[in-house]
């Protein structure tokens, strides 16, 4: 995720946080996935 987000902005932590806060991405145990999906192994 970081490499993908870095294409738009250097502060990837802020972008991840915004994506989670807005409900586009979910996070659990340090793993991120598109909201509405499931965590893949």
Protein backbone atom coordinates (compact mmCIF):
# COMPACT_ATOMS: atom_id res chain seq x y z
CA UNK A 1 0.00 0.00 0.00
CA UNK A 2 2.78 2.44 0.87
CA UNK A 3 4.42 2.21 -2.55
CA UNK A 4 1.10 2.83 -4.28
CA UNK A 5 0.23 5.81 -2.08
CA UNK A 6 3.71 7.29 -2.40
CA UNK A 7 2.96 7.96 -6.08
CA UNK A 8 0.56 10.70 -4.90
CA UNK A 9 2.18 12.03 -1.73
CA UNK A 10 5.21 11.46 0.52
CA UNK A 11 3.13 11.27 3.74
CA UNK A 12 1.74 7.76 3.22
CA UNK A 13 0.78 7.42 6.90
CA UNK A 14 -1.61 10.35 6.61
CA UNK A 15 -3.11 9.00 3.40
CA UNK A 16 -3.66 5.56 4.97
CA UNK A 17 -5.28 7.19 8.00
CA UNK A 18 -7.60 9.27 5.81
CA UNK A 19 -8.59 6.21 3.77
CA UNK A 20 -9.47 4.31 6.96
CA UNK A 21 -11.32 7.26 8.51
CA UNK A 22 -13.41 7.75 5.36
CA UNK A 23 -14.29 4.04 5.19
CA UNK A 24 -12.48 3.24 1.93
CA UNK A 25 -9.96 0.92 3.59
CA UNK A 26 -10.09 -1.27 6.69
CA UNK A 27 -7.20 -2.25 8.94
CA UNK A 28 -6.58 -5.11 11.33
CA UNK A 29 -3.33 -6.45 12.79
CA UNK A 30 -1.29 -4.09 10.62
CA UNK A 31 -2.92 -5.28 7.38
CA UNK A 32 -5.01 -3.10 5.08
CA UNK A 33 -7.71 -4.06 2.58
CA UNK A 34 -10.47 -2.38 0.59
CA UNK A 35 -13.55 -1.86 2.73
CA UNK A 36 -16.19 -4.49 2.13
CA UNK A 37 -13.60 -7.12 1.23
CA UNK A 38 -11.80 -9.66 3.37
CA UNK A 39 -8.23 -10.12 4.51
CA UNK A 40 -6.44 -12.50 2.16
CA UNK A 41 -3.78 -14.91 3.25
